Amino acid sequence: MALRRTIDEIISGHKARNASLREVFLEKKVDLKEARRIEFHFWTWSRKDTSELAESLKSRGFDIMRQQPAGIAGDSERWDLEVAVRQSIDVTLRPEFTDELARLADSHRGLYDGWGTSI
């Protein structure tokens, strides 16, 4: 459930961030095709939505790292879901991949918050 912004605005924001990250990785001479552990972060607002999103991601090959209440003051319903998968940065940066994760989260009334990896 995309709050305050449309799903297209959210996806556009991720794509802009990914373009900036690509430049940083290239400047640091990171091999974008090397498989590595990539971690992804999602927010949801119920245990049920968190569990269902986690299962959807697990069926796509993601490992569940954390699935718990976020513990944010003033937002007691928010849940934290963190997952990981082994793949290249190149795959992670693809617009289709970003689109899929954002829409999957939205279909479970959640929000795809982004990704990270060690370099």
PDB file of N, CA and C in Angstrom:
ATOM      1  N   MET A   1       0.850  -1.166   0.000  1.00  0.00           N
ATOM      2  CA  MET A   1       0.000   0.000   0.000  1.00  0.00           C
ATOM      3  C   MET A   1       0.895   1.229   0.000  1.00  0.00           C
ATOM      4  N   ALA A   2       1.050   1.846  -1.113  1.00  0.00           N
ATOM      5  CA  ALA A   2       1.906   3.011  -1.229  1.00  0.00           C
ATOM      6  C   ALA A   2       1.233   4.204  -0.558  1.00  0.00           C
ATOM      7  N   LEU A   3       1.850   4.719   0.477  1.00  0.00           N
ATOM      8  CA  LEU A   3       1.302   5.852   1.203  1.00  0.00           C
ATOM      9  C   LEU A   3       1.899   7.150   0.676  1.00  0.00           C
ATOM     10  N   ARG A   4       1.033   8.152   0.456  1.00  0.00           N
ATOM     11  CA  ARG A   4       1.426   9.510   0.063  1.00  0.00           C
ATOM     12  C   ARG A   4       1.965   9.618  -1.356  1.00  0.00           C
ATOM     13  N   ARG A   5       2.553   8.570  -1.889  1.00  0.00           N
ATOM     14  CA  ARG A   5       3.076   8.606  -3.254  1.00  0.00           C
ATOM     15  C   ARG A   5       2.484   7.433  -4.031  1.00  0.00           C
ATOM     16  N   THR A   6       2.359   7.613  -5.322  1.00  0.00           N
ATOM     17  CA  THR A   6       1.853   6.513  -6.140  1.00  0.00           C
ATOM     18  C   THR A   6       2.963   5.486  -6.329  1.00  0.00           C
ATOM     19  N   ILE A   7       2.573   4.297  -6.725  1.00  0.00           N
ATOM     20  CA  ILE A   7       3.561   3.239  -6.965  1.00  0.00           C
ATOM     21  C   ILE A   7       4.525   3.667  -8.074  1.00  0.00           C
ATOM     22  N   ASP A   8       4.036   4.366  -9.082  1.00  0.00           N
ATOM     23  CA  ASP A   8       4.915   4.831 -10.156  1.00  0.00           C
ATOM     24  C   ASP A   8       5.938   5.848  -9.646  1.00  0.00           C
ATOM     25  N   GLU A   9       5.547   6.710  -8.718  1.00  0.00           N
ATOM     26  CA  GLU A   9       6.487   7.661  -8.123  1.00  0.00           C
ATOM     27  C   GLU A   9       7.543   6.934  -7.292  1.00  0.00           C
ATOM     28  N   ILE A  10       7.116   5.919  -6.578  1.00  0.00           N
ATOM     29  CA  ILE A  10       8.049   5.132  -5.764  1.00  0.00           C
ATOM     30  C   ILE A  10       9.065   4.435  -6.654  1.00  0.00           C
ATOM     31  N   ILE A  11       8.577   3.812  -7.719  1.00  0.00           N
ATOM     32  CA  ILE A  11       9.466   3.110  -8.652  1.00  0.00           C
ATOM     33  C   ILE A  11      10.433   4.097  -9.298  1.00  0.00           C
ATOM     34  N   SER A  12       9.935   5.251  -9.694  1.00  0.00           N
ATOM     35  CA  SER A  12      10.780   6.273 -10.301  1.00  0.00           C
ATOM     36  C   SER A  12      11.896   6.706  -9.346  1.00  0.00           C
ATOM     37  N   GLY A  13      11.567   6.854  -8.074  1.00  0.00           N
ATOM     38  CA  GLY A  13      12.576   7.209  -7.078  1.00  0.00           C
ATOM     39  C   GLY A  13      13.661   6.151  -6.939  1.00  0.00           C
ATOM     40  N   HIS A  14      13.244   4.878  -6.941  1.00  0.00           N
ATOM     41  CA  HIS A  14      14.222   3.793  -6.857  1.00  0.00           C
ATOM     42  C   HIS A  14      15.110   3.749  -8.100  1.00  0.00           C
ATOM     43  N   LYS A  15      14.516   3.984  -9.253  1.00  0.00           N
ATOM     44  CA  LYS A  15      15.298   3.951 -10.494  1.00  0.00           C
ATOM     45  C   LYS A  15      16.331   5.074 -10.513  1.00  0.00           C
ATOM     46  N   ALA A  16      15.966   6.245 -10.008  1.00  0.00           N
ATOM     47  CA  ALA A  16      16.916   7.360  -9.937  1.00  0.00           C
ATOM     48  C   ALA A  16      18.053   7.023  -8.967  1.00  0.00           C
ATOM     49  N   ARG A  17      17.697   6.448  -7.833  1.00  0.00           N
ATOM     50  CA  ARG A  17      18.718   6.054  -6.851  1.00  0.00           C
ATOM     51  C   ARG A  17      19.645   4.999  -7.447  1.00  0.00           C
ATOM     52  N   ASN A  18      19.062   4.038  -8.164  1.00  0.00           N
ATOM     53  CA  ASN A  18      19.873   2.985  -8.787  1.00  0.00           C
ATOM     54  C   ASN A  18      20.843   3.556  -9.820  1.00  0.00           C
ATOM     55  N   ALA A  19      20.407   4.556 -10.569  1.00  0.00           N
ATOM     56  CA  ALA A  19      21.298   5.185 -11.548  1.00  0.00           C
ATOM     57  C   ALA A  19      22.488   5.830 -10.840  1.00  0.00           C
ATOM     58  N   SER A  20      22.233   6.484  -9.721  1.00  0.00           N
ATOM     59  CA  SER A  20      23.318   7.087  -8.939  1.00  0.00           C
ATOM     60  C   SER A  20      24.246   6.021  -8.369  1.00  0.00           C
ATOM     61  N   LEU A  21      23.659   4.941  -7.878  1.00  0.00           N
ATOM     62  CA  LEU A  21      24.473   3.853  -7.328  1.00  0.00           C
ATOM     63  C   LEU A  21      25.352   3.222  -8.408  1.00  0.00           C
ATOM     64  N   ARG A  22      24.804   3.048  -9.602  1.00  0.00           N
ATOM     65  CA  ARG A  22      25.598   2.488 -10.706  1.00  0.00           C
ATOM     66  C   ARG A  22      26.861   3.320 -10.910  1.00  0.00           C
ATOM     67  N   GLU A  23      26.724   4.637 -10.913  1.00  0.00           N
ATOM     68  CA  GLU A  23      27.875   5.518 -11.100  1.00  0.00           C
ATOM     69  C   GLU A  23      28.902   5.342  -9.979  1.00  0.00           C
ATOM     70  N   VAL A  24      28.436   5.232  -8.747  1.00  0.00           N
ATOM     71  CA  VAL A  24      29.334   5.030  -7.611  1.00  0.00           C
ATOM     72  C   VAL A  24      30.091   3.714  -7.765  1.00  0.00           C
ATOM     73  N   PHE A  25      29.372   2.655  -8.122  1.00  0.00           N
ATOM     74  CA  PHE A  25      30.020   1.345  -8.284  1.00  0.00           C
ATOM     75  C   PHE A  25      31.045   1.384  -9.413  1.00  0.00           C
ATOM     76  N   LEU A  26      30.712   2.040 -10.511  1.00  0.00           N
ATOM     77  CA  LEU A  26      31.650   2.129 -11.634  1.00  0.00           C
ATOM     78  C   LEU A  26      32.876   2.945 -11.255  1.00  0.00           C
ATOM     79  N   GLU A  27      32.689   4.035 -10.518  1.00  0.00           N
ATOM     80  CA  GLU A  27      33.827   4.842 -10.059  1.00  0.00           C
ATOM     81  C   GLU A  27      34.754   4.030  -9.172  1.00  0.00           C
ATOM     82  N   LYS A  28      34.167   3.137  -8.379  1.00  0.00           N
ATOM     83  CA  LYS A  28      34.957   2.302  -7.471  1.00  0.00           C
ATOM     84  C   LYS A  28      35.446   1.027  -8.147  1.00  0.00           C
ATOM     85  N   LYS A  29      35.159   0.902  -9.438  1.00  0.00           N
ATOM     86  CA  LYS A  29      35.602  -0.237 -10.250  1.00  0.00           C
ATOM     87  C   LYS A  29      35.070  -1.574  -9.717  1.00  0.00           C
ATOM     88  N   VAL A  30      33.815  -1.573  -9.264  1.00  0.00           N
ATOM     89  CA  VAL A  30      33.150  -2.782  -8.789  1.00  0.00           C
ATOM     90  C   VAL A  30      32.665  -3.577  -9.999  1.00  0.00           C
ATOM     91  N   ASP A  31      32.894  -4.874  -9.992  1.00  0.00           N
ATOM     92  CA  ASP A  31      32.405  -5.752 -11.061  1.00  0.00           C
ATOM     93  C   ASP A  31      30.895  -5.928 -10.889  1.00  0.00           C
ATOM     94  N   LEU A  32      30.117  -5.295 -11.758  1.00  0.00           N
ATOM     95  CA  LEU A  32      28.663  -5.324 -11.641  1.00  0.00           C
ATOM     96  C   LEU A  32      28.069  -6.683 -11.994  1.00  0.00           C
ATOM     97  N   LYS A  33      28.844  -7.534 -12.639  1.00  0.00           N
ATOM     98  CA  LYS A  33      28.336  -8.848 -13.049  1.00  0.00           C
ATOM     99  C   LYS A  33      28.656  -9.955 -12.039  1.00  0.00           C
ATOM    100  N   GLU A  34      29.491  -9.651 -11.049  1.00  0.00           N
ATOM    101  CA  GLU A  34      29.868 -10.641 -10.031  1.00  0.00           C
ATOM    102  C   GLU A  34      28.683 -10.917  -9.103  1.00  0.00           C
ATOM    103  N   ALA A  35      28.375 -12.205  -8.914  1.00  0.00           N
ATOM    104  CA  ALA A  35      27.307 -12.579  -7.976  1.00  0.00           C
ATOM    105  C   ALA A  35      27.774 -12.270  -6.555  1.00  0.00           C
ATOM    106  N   ARG A  36      26.875 -11.699  -5.774  1.00  0.00           N
ATOM    107  CA  ARG A  36      27.187 -11.337  -4.394  1.00  0.00           C
ATOM    108  C   ARG A  36      25.899 -11.320  -3.589  1.00  0.00           C
ATOM    109  N   ARG A  37      26.010 -11.226  -2.297  1.00  0.00           N
ATOM    110  CA  ARG A  37      24.832 -11.144  -1.439  1.00  0.00           C
ATOM    111  C   ARG A  37      24.277  -9.720  -1.492  1.00  0.00           C
ATOM    112  N   ILE A  38      23.021  -9.627  -1.892  1.00  0.00           N
ATOM    113  CA  ILE A  38      22.325  -8.346  -1.951  1.00  0.00           C
ATOM    114  C   ILE A  38      21.188  -8.408  -0.930  1.00  0.00           C
ATOM    115  N   GLU A  39      21.071  -7.384  -0.112  1.00  0.00           N
ATOM    116  CA  GLU A  39      20.021  -7.332   0.917  1.00  0.00           C
ATOM    117  C   GLU A  39      18.980  -6.288   0.534  1.00  0.00           C
ATOM    118  N   PHE A  40      17.718  -6.611   0.825  1.00  0.00           N
ATOM    119  CA  PHE A  40      16.585  -5.763   0.454  1.00  0.00           C
ATOM    120  C   PHE A  40      15.743  -5.475   1.685  1.00  0.00           C
ATOM    121  N   HIS A  41      15.161  -4.279   1.724  1.00  0.00           N
ATOM    122  CA  HIS A  41      14.380  -3.866   2.881  1.00  0.00           C
ATOM    123  C   HIS A  41      12.964  -3.480   2.457  1.00  0.00           C
ATOM    124  N   PHE A  42      11.998  -3.927   3.254  1.00  0.00           N
ATOM    125  CA  PHE A  42      10.582  -3.643   3.019  1.00  0.00           C
ATOM    126  C   PHE A  42       9.924  -3.210   4.326  1.00  0.00           C
ATOM    127  N   TRP A  43       8.891  -2.387   4.211  1.00  0.00           N
ATOM    128  CA  TRP A  43       8.030  -2.031   5.329  1.00  0.00           C
ATOM    129  C   TRP A  43       6.638  -2.575   5.044  1.00  0.00           C
ATOM    130  N   THR A  44       5.982  -3.061   6.077  1.00  0.00           N
ATOM    131  CA  THR A  44       4.569  -3.448   5.999  1.00  0.00           C
ATOM    132  C   THR A  44       3.899  -2.937   7.269  1.00  0.00           C
ATOM    133  N   TRP A  45       2.562  -3.067   7.318  1.00  0.00           N
ATOM    134  CA  TRP A  45       1.850  -2.522   8.465  1.00  0.00           C
ATOM    135  C   TRP A  45       0.953  -3.545   9.152  1.00  0.00           C
ATOM    136  N   SER A  46       1.288  -4.836   8.985  1.00  0.00           N
ATOM    137  CA  SER A  46       0.612  -5.878   9.752  1.00  0.00           C
ATOM    138  C   SER A  46       1.444  -7.157   9.688  1.00  0.00           C
ATOM    139  N   ARG A  47       1.274  -7.984  10.695  1.00  0.00           N
ATOM    140  CA  ARG A  47       1.972  -9.274  10.724  1.00  0.00           C
ATOM    141  C   ARG A  47       1.580 -10.122   9.516  1.00  0.00           C
ATOM    142  N   LYS A  48       0.298 -10.125   9.196  1.00  0.00           N
ATOM    143  CA  LYS A  48      -0.209 -10.932   8.082  1.00  0.00           C
ATOM    144  C   LYS A  48       0.424 -10.497   6.760  1.00  0.00           C
ATOM    145  N   ASP A  49       0.429  -9.197   6.488  1.00  0.00           N
ATOM    146  CA  ASP A  49       1.026  -8.705   5.251  1.00  0.00           C
ATOM    147  C   ASP A  49       2.520  -9.006   5.197  1.00  0.00           C
ATOM    148  N   THR A  50       3.181  -8.888   6.335  1.00  0.00           N
ATOM    149  CA  THR A  50       4.609  -9.184   6.393  1.00  0.00           C
ATOM    150  C   THR A  50       4.863 -10.647   6.058  1.00  0.00           C
ATOM    151  N   SER A  51       4.094 -11.540   6.662  1.00  0.00           N
ATOM    152  CA  SER A  51       4.259 -12.977   6.417  1.00  0.00           C
ATOM    153  C   SER A  51       3.981 -13.331   4.967  1.00  0.00           C
ATOM    154  N   GLU A  52       2.928 -12.745   4.416  1.00  0.00           N
ATOM    155  CA  GLU A  52       2.574 -13.057   3.024  1.00  0.00           C
ATOM    156  C   GLU A  52       3.615 -12.508   2.049  1.00  0.00           C
ATOM    157  N   LEU A  53       4.128 -11.304   2.290  1.00  0.00           N
ATOM    158  CA  LEU A  53       5.183 -10.758   1.442  1.00  0.00           C
ATOM    159  C   LEU A  53       6.449 -11.602   1.571  1.00  0.00           C
ATOM    160  N   ALA A  54       6.786 -11.997   2.784  1.00  0.00           N
ATOM    161  CA  ALA A  54       7.966 -12.837   3.003  1.00  0.00           C
ATOM    162  C   ALA A  54       7.842 -14.152   2.231  1.00  0.00           C
ATOM    163  N   GLU A  55       6.675 -14.767   2.262  1.00  0.00           N
ATOM    164  CA  GLU A  55       6.464 -16.026   1.524  1.00  0.00           C
ATOM    165  C   GLU A  55       6.581 -15.810   0.023  1.00  0.00           C
ATOM    166  N   SER A  56       6.049 -14.705  -0.473  1.00  0.00           N
ATOM    167  CA  SER A  56       6.165 -14.399  -1.907  1.00  0.00           C
ATOM    168  C   SER A  56       7.627 -14.222  -2.305  1.00  0.00           C
ATOM    169  N   LEU A  57       8.391 -13.547  -1.471  1.00  0.00           N
ATOM    170  CA  LEU A  57       9.812 -13.353  -1.760  1.00  0.00           C
ATOM    171  C   LEU A  57      10.584 -14.660  -1.638  1.00  0.00           C
ATOM    172  N   LYS A  58      10.250 -15.448  -0.638  1.00  0.00           N
ATOM    173  CA  LYS A  58      10.909 -16.744  -0.447  1.00  0.00           C
ATOM    174  C   LYS A  58      10.678 -17.643  -1.663  1.00  0.00           C
ATOM    175  N   SER A  59       9.472 -17.617  -2.209  1.00  0.00           N
ATOM    176  CA  SER A  59       9.170 -18.447  -3.386  1.00  0.00           C
ATOM    177  C   SER A  59       9.940 -17.976  -4.616  1.00  0.00           C
ATOM    178  N   ARG A  60      10.467 -16.744  -4.572  1.00  0.00           N
ATOM    179  CA  ARG A  60      11.281 -16.205  -5.662  1.00  0.00           C
ATOM    180  C   ARG A  60      12.778 -16.392  -5.399  1.00  0.00           C
ATOM    181  N   GLY A  61      13.129 -17.116  -4.331  1.00  0.00           N
ATOM    182  CA  GLY A  61      14.521 -17.435  -4.057  1.00  0.00           C
ATOM    183  C   GLY A  61      15.215 -16.562  -3.031  1.00  0.00           C
ATOM    184  N   PHE A  62      14.488 -15.659  -2.388  1.00  0.00           N
ATOM    185  CA  PHE A  62      15.080 -14.800  -1.368  1.00  0.00           C
ATOM    186  C   PHE A  62      15.141 -15.528  -0.031  1.00  0.00           C
ATOM    187  N   ASP A  63      16.175 -15.241   0.746  1.00  0.00           N
ATOM    188  CA  ASP A  63      16.294 -15.737   2.113  1.00  0.00           C
ATOM    189  C   ASP A  63      15.742 -14.670   3.051  1.00  0.00           C
ATOM    190  N   ILE A  64      14.941 -15.088   4.027  1.00  0.00           N
ATOM    191  CA  ILE A  64      14.384 -14.156   4.992  1.00  0.00           C
ATOM    192  C   ILE A  64      15.423 -13.924   6.091  1.00  0.00           C
ATOM    193  N   MET A  65      15.801 -12.681   6.297  1.00  0.00           N
ATOM    194  CA  MET A  65      16.783 -12.337   7.320  1.00  0.00           C
ATOM    195  C   MET A  65      16.107 -11.841   8.594  1.00  0.00           C
ATOM    196  N   ARG A  66      15.102 -10.976   8.430  1.00  0.00           N
ATOM    197  CA  ARG A  66      14.434 -10.377   9.579  1.00  0.00           C
ATOM    198  C   ARG A  66      12.983 -10.126   9.213  1.00  0.00           C
ATOM    199  N   GLN A  67      12.131 -10.434  10.173  1.00  0.00           N
ATOM    200  CA  GLN A  67      10.694 -10.248  10.000  1.00  0.00           C
ATOM    201  C   GLN A  67      10.146  -9.957  11.388  1.00  0.00           C
ATOM    202  N   GLN A  68       9.997  -8.665  11.720  1.00  0.00           N
ATOM    203  CA  GLN A  68       9.637  -8.301  13.092  1.00  0.00           C
ATOM    204  C   GLN A  68       8.992  -6.919  13.131  1.00  0.00           C
ATOM    205  N   PRO A  69       8.331  -6.606  14.241  1.00  0.00           N
ATOM    206  CA  PRO A  69       7.814  -5.234  14.387  1.00  0.00           C
ATOM    207  C   PRO A  69       8.978  -4.246  14.303  1.00  0.00           C
ATOM    208  N   ALA A  70       8.741  -3.123  13.656  1.00  0.00           N
ATOM    209  CA  ALA A  70       9.821  -2.155  13.445  1.00  0.00           C
ATOM    210  C   ALA A  70      10.193  -1.403  14.709  1.00  0.00           C
ATOM    211  N   GLY A  71       9.246  -1.280  15.645  1.00  0.00           N
ATOM    212  CA  GLY A  71       9.543  -0.579  16.892  1.00  0.00           C
ATOM    213  C   GLY A  71       9.762   0.909  16.704  1.00  0.00           C
ATOM    214  N   ILE A  72       9.000   1.516  15.810  1.00  0.00           N
ATOM    215  CA  ILE A  72       9.134   2.947  15.532  1.00  0.00           C
ATOM    216  C   ILE A  72       8.089   3.705  16.349  1.00  0.00           C
ATOM    217  N   ALA A  73       8.543   4.640  17.146  1.00  0.00           N
ATOM    218  CA  ALA A  73       7.631   5.448  17.957  1.00  0.00           C
ATOM    219  C   ALA A  73       6.650   6.175  17.052  1.00  0.00           C
ATOM    220  N   GLY A  74       5.387   6.124  17.405  1.00  0.00           N
ATOM    221  CA  GLY A  74       4.366   6.786  16.615  1.00  0.00           C
ATOM    222  C   GLY A  74       3.897   5.993  15.409  1.00  0.00           C
ATOM    223  N   ASP A  75       4.473   4.820  15.189  1.00  0.00           N
ATOM    224  CA  ASP A  75       4.093   3.967  14.056  1.00  0.00           C
ATOM    225  C   ASP A  75       4.127   2.516  14.526  1.00  0.00           C
ATOM    226  N   SER A  76       3.341   2.230  15.545  1.00  0.00           N
ATOM    227  CA  SER A  76       3.393   0.927  16.207  1.00  0.00           C
ATOM    228  C   SER A  76       2.946  -0.235  15.322  1.00  0.00           C
ATOM    229  N   GLU A  77       2.267   0.043  14.226  1.00  0.00           N
ATOM    230  CA  GLU A  77       1.805  -1.024  13.340  1.00  0.00           C
ATOM    231  C   GLU A  77       2.849  -1.429  12.300  1.00  0.00           C
ATOM    232  N   ARG A  78       3.907  -0.655  12.153  1.00  0.00           N
ATOM    233  CA  ARG A  78       4.879  -0.917  11.086  1.00  0.00           C
ATOM    234  C   ARG A  78       5.743  -2.135  11.398  1.00  0.00           C
ATOM    235  N   TRP A  79       5.959  -2.947  10.351  1.00  0.00           N
ATOM    236  CA  TRP A  79       6.807  -4.132  10.422  1.00  0.00           C
ATOM    237  C   TRP A  79       8.015  -3.962   9.518  1.00  0.00           C
ATOM    238  N   ASP A  80       9.097  -4.596   9.911  1.00  0.00           N
ATOM    239  CA  ASP A  80      10.372  -4.575   9.211  1.00  0.00           C
ATOM    240  C   ASP A  80      10.596  -5.949   8.583  1.00  0.00           C
ATOM    241  N   LEU A  81      10.819  -5.973   7.272  1.00  0.00           N
ATOM    242  CA  LEU A  81      11.120  -7.220   6.574  1.00  0.00           C
ATOM    243  C   LEU A  81      12.405  -7.013   5.793  1.00  0.00           C
ATOM    244  N   GLU A  82      13.400  -7.846   6.074  1.00  0.00           N
ATOM    245  CA  GLU A  82      14.668  -7.795   5.361  1.00  0.00           C
ATOM    246  C   GLU A  82      14.946  -9.163   4.785  1.00  0.00           C
ATOM    247  N   VAL A  83      15.343  -9.166   3.513  1.00  0.00           N
ATOM    248  CA  VAL A  83      15.603 -10.410   2.801  1.00  0.00           C
ATOM    249  C   VAL A  83      16.919 -10.267   2.040  1.00  0.00           C
ATOM    250  N   ALA A  84      17.444 -11.385   1.566  1.00  0.00           N
ATOM    251  CA  ALA A  84      18.688 -11.357   0.795  1.00  0.00           C
ATOM    252  C   ALA A  84      18.626 -12.401  -0.305  1.00  0.00           C
ATOM    253  N   VAL A  85      19.404 -12.141  -1.340  1.00  0.00           N
ATOM    254  CA  VAL A  85      19.534 -13.087  -2.440  1.00  0.00           C
ATOM    255  C   VAL A  85      20.941 -12.941  -3.007  1.00  0.00           C
ATOM    256  N   ARG A  86      21.441 -14.002  -3.587  1.00  0.00           N
ATOM    257  CA  ARG A  86      22.752 -13.942  -4.237  1.00  0.00           C
ATOM    258  C   ARG A  86      22.528 -13.696  -5.727  1.00  0.00           C
ATOM    259  N   GLN A  87      22.968 -12.523  -6.171  1.00  0.00           N
ATOM    260  CA  GLN A  87      22.860 -12.175  -7.580  1.00  0.00           C
ATOM    261  C   GLN A  87      23.797 -11.007  -7.853  1.00  0.00           C
ATOM    262  N   SER A  88      23.905 -10.601  -9.083  1.00  0.00           N
ATOM    263  CA  SER A  88      24.800  -9.501  -9.433  1.00  0.00           C
ATOM    264  C   SER A  88      24.147  -8.143  -9.172  1.00  0.00           C
ATOM    265  N   ILE A  89      24.979  -7.147  -9.022  1.00  0.00           N
ATOM    266  CA  ILE A  89      24.497  -5.779  -8.924  1.00  0.00           C
ATOM    267  C   ILE A  89      23.792  -5.404 -10.230  1.00  0.00           C
ATOM    268  N   ASP A  90      24.329  -5.885 -11.335  1.00  0.00           N
ATOM    269  CA  ASP A  90      23.741  -5.610 -12.642  1.00  0.00           C
ATOM    270  C   ASP A  90      22.268  -6.026 -12.695  1.00  0.00           C
ATOM    271  N   VAL A  91      21.954  -7.220 -12.199  1.00  0.00           N
ATOM    272  CA  VAL A  91      20.566  -7.682 -12.168  1.00  0.00           C
ATOM    273  C   VAL A  91      19.748  -6.798 -11.221  1.00  0.00           C
ATOM    274  N   THR A  92      20.312  -6.489 -10.079  1.00  0.00           N
ATOM    275  CA  THR A  92      19.616  -5.694  -9.072  1.00  0.00           C
ATOM    276  C   THR A  92      19.273  -4.301  -9.581  1.00  0.00           C
ATOM    277  N   LEU A  93      20.112  -3.755 -10.435  1.00  0.00           N
ATOM    278  CA  LEU A  93      19.893  -2.412 -10.969  1.00  0.00           C
ATOM    279  C   LEU A  93      18.884  -2.364 -12.113  1.00  0.00           C
ATOM    280  N   ARG A  94      18.502  -3.501 -12.652  1.00  0.00           N
ATOM    281  CA  ARG A  94      17.583  -3.513 -13.794  1.00  0.00           C
ATOM    282  C   ARG A  94      16.230  -2.903 -13.418  1.00  0.00           C
ATOM    283  N   PRO A  95      15.720  -2.025 -14.257  1.00  0.00           N
ATOM    284  CA  PRO A  95      14.414  -1.409 -13.975  1.00  0.00           C
ATOM    285  C   PRO A  95      13.303  -2.441 -13.776  1.00  0.00           C
ATOM    286  N   GLU A  96      13.329  -3.528 -14.526  1.00  0.00           N
ATOM    287  CA  GLU A  96      12.294  -4.558 -14.393  1.00  0.00           C
ATOM    288  C   GLU A  96      12.330  -5.216 -13.021  1.00  0.00           C
ATOM    289  N   PHE A  97      13.524  -5.387 -12.485  1.00  0.00           N
ATOM    290  CA  PHE A  97      13.678  -6.002 -11.166  1.00  0.00           C
ATOM    291  C   PHE A  97      13.122  -5.064 -10.094  1.00  0.00           C
ATOM    292  N   THR A  98      13.480  -3.790 -10.192  1.00  0.00           N
ATOM    293  CA  THR A  98      12.981  -2.791  -9.251  1.00  0.00           C
ATOM    294  C   THR A  98      11.462  -2.714  -9.307  1.00  0.00           C
ATOM    295  N   ASP A  99      10.938  -2.679 -10.509  1.00  0.00           N
ATOM    296  CA  ASP A  99       9.495  -2.611 -10.720  1.00  0.00           C
ATOM    297  C   ASP A  99       8.802  -3.810 -10.069  1.00  0.00           C
ATOM    298  N   GLU A 100       9.365  -5.003 -10.276  1.00  0.00           N
ATOM    299  CA  GLU A 100       8.765  -6.215  -9.704  1.00  0.00           C
ATOM    300  C   GLU A 100       8.720  -6.154  -8.176  1.00  0.00           C
ATOM    301  N   LEU A 101       9.823  -5.762  -7.546  1.00  0.00           N
ATOM    302  CA  LEU A 101       9.854  -5.723  -6.078  1.00  0.00           C
ATOM    303  C   LEU A 101       8.900  -4.653  -5.522  1.00  0.00           C
ATOM    304  N   ALA A 102       8.877  -3.490  -6.141  1.00  0.00           N
ATOM    305  CA  ALA A 102       7.994  -2.424  -5.659  1.00  0.00           C
ATOM    306  C   ALA A 102       6.528  -2.823  -5.804  1.00  0.00           C
ATOM    307  N   ARG A 103       6.179  -3.413  -6.934  1.00  0.00           N
ATOM    308  CA  ARG A 103       4.782  -3.822  -7.147  1.00  0.00           C
ATOM    309  C   ARG A 103       4.401  -5.011  -6.271  1.00  0.00           C
ATOM    310  N   LEU A 104       5.338  -5.924  -6.043  1.00  0.00           N
ATOM    311  CA  LEU A 104       5.071  -7.058  -5.159  1.00  0.00           C
ATOM    312  C   LEU A 104       4.794  -6.550  -3.745  1.00  0.00           C
ATOM    313  N   ALA A 105       5.633  -5.657  -3.262  1.00  0.00           N
ATOM    314  CA  ALA A 105       5.415  -5.080  -1.921  1.00  0.00           C
ATOM    315  C   ALA A 105       4.068  -4.385  -1.864  1.00  0.00           C
ATOM    316  N   ASP A 106       3.756  -3.595  -2.868  1.00  0.00           N
ATOM    317  CA  ASP A 106       2.496  -2.862  -2.904  1.00  0.00           C
ATOM    318  C   ASP A 106       1.301  -3.816  -2.906  1.00  0.00           C
ATOM    319  N   SER A 107       1.438  -4.946  -3.579  1.00  0.00           N
ATOM    320  CA  SER A 107       0.335  -5.920  -3.633  1.00  0.00           C
ATOM    321  C   SER A 107       0.062  -6.552  -2.266  1.00  0.00           C
ATOM    322  N   HIS A 108       1.031  -6.447  -1.356  1.00  0.00           N
ATOM    323  CA  HIS A 108       0.873  -6.952   0.017  1.00  0.00           C
ATOM    324  C   HIS A 108       0.732  -5.785   0.996  1.00  0.00           C
ATOM    325  N   ARG A 109       0.296  -4.646   0.491  1.00  0.00           N
ATOM    326  CA  ARG A 109       0.105  -3.439   1.297  1.00  0.00           C
ATOM    327  C   ARG A 109       1.391  -3.038   2.017  1.00  0.00           C
ATOM    328  N   GLY A 110       2.514  -3.234   1.317  1.00  0.00           N
ATOM    329  CA  GLY A 110       3.813  -2.886   1.867  1.00  0.00           C
ATOM    330  C   GLY A 110       4.543  -1.901   0.983  1.00  0.00           C
ATOM    331  N   LEU A 111       5.771  -1.618   1.350  1.00  0.00           N
ATOM    332  CA  LEU A 111       6.592  -0.649   0.642  1.00  0.00           C
ATOM    333  C   LEU A 111       8.012  -1.190   0.500  1.00  0.00           C
ATOM    334  N   TYR A 112       8.503  -1.232  -0.724  1.00  0.00           N
ATOM    335  CA  TYR A 112       9.888  -1.598  -0.983  1.00  0.00           C
ATOM    336  C   TYR A 112      10.739  -0.376  -0.672  1.00  0.00           C
ATOM    337  N   ASP A 113      11.694  -0.530   0.253  1.00  0.00           N
ATOM    338  CA  ASP A 113      12.473   0.603   0.738  1.00  0.00           C
ATOM    339  C   ASP A 113      13.854   0.685   0.124  1.00  0.00           C
ATOM    340  N   GLY A 114      14.344  -0.387  -0.523  1.00  0.00           N
ATOM    341  CA  GLY A 114      15.649  -0.316  -1.181  1.00  0.00           C
ATOM    342  C   GLY A 114      16.532  -1.508  -0.887  1.00  0.00           C
ATOM    343  N   TRP A 115      17.775  -1.403  -1.333  1.00  0.00           N
ATOM    344  CA  TRP A 115      18.714  -2.516  -1.237  1.00  0.00           C
ATOM    345  C   TRP A 115      20.123  -2.017  -0.932  1.00  0.00           C
ATOM    346  N   GLY A 116      20.965  -2.966  -0.567  1.00  0.00           N
ATOM    347  CA  GLY A 116      22.355  -2.653  -0.304  1.00  0.00           C
ATOM    348  C   GLY A 116      23.225  -3.890  -0.423  1.00  0.00           C
ATOM    349  N   THR A 117      24.510  -3.674  -0.541  1.00  0.00           N
ATOM    350  CA  THR A 117      25.479  -4.767  -0.602  1.00  0.00           C
ATOM    351  C   THR A 117      26.842  -4.251  -0.157  1.00  0.00           C
ATOM    352  N   SER A 118      27.676  -5.148   0.267  1.00  0.00           N
ATOM    353  CA  SER A 118      29.056  -4.791   0.614  1.00  0.00           C
ATOM    354  C   SER A 118      29.886  -4.809  -0.668  1.00  0.00           C
ATOM    355  N   ILE A 119      30.803  -3.846  -0.749  1.00  0.00           N
ATOM    356  CA  ILE A 119      31.702  -3.833  -1.911  1.00  0.00           C
ATOM    357  C   ILE A 119      33.131  -3.817  -1.450  1.00  0.00           C
TER     358      ILE A 119
END
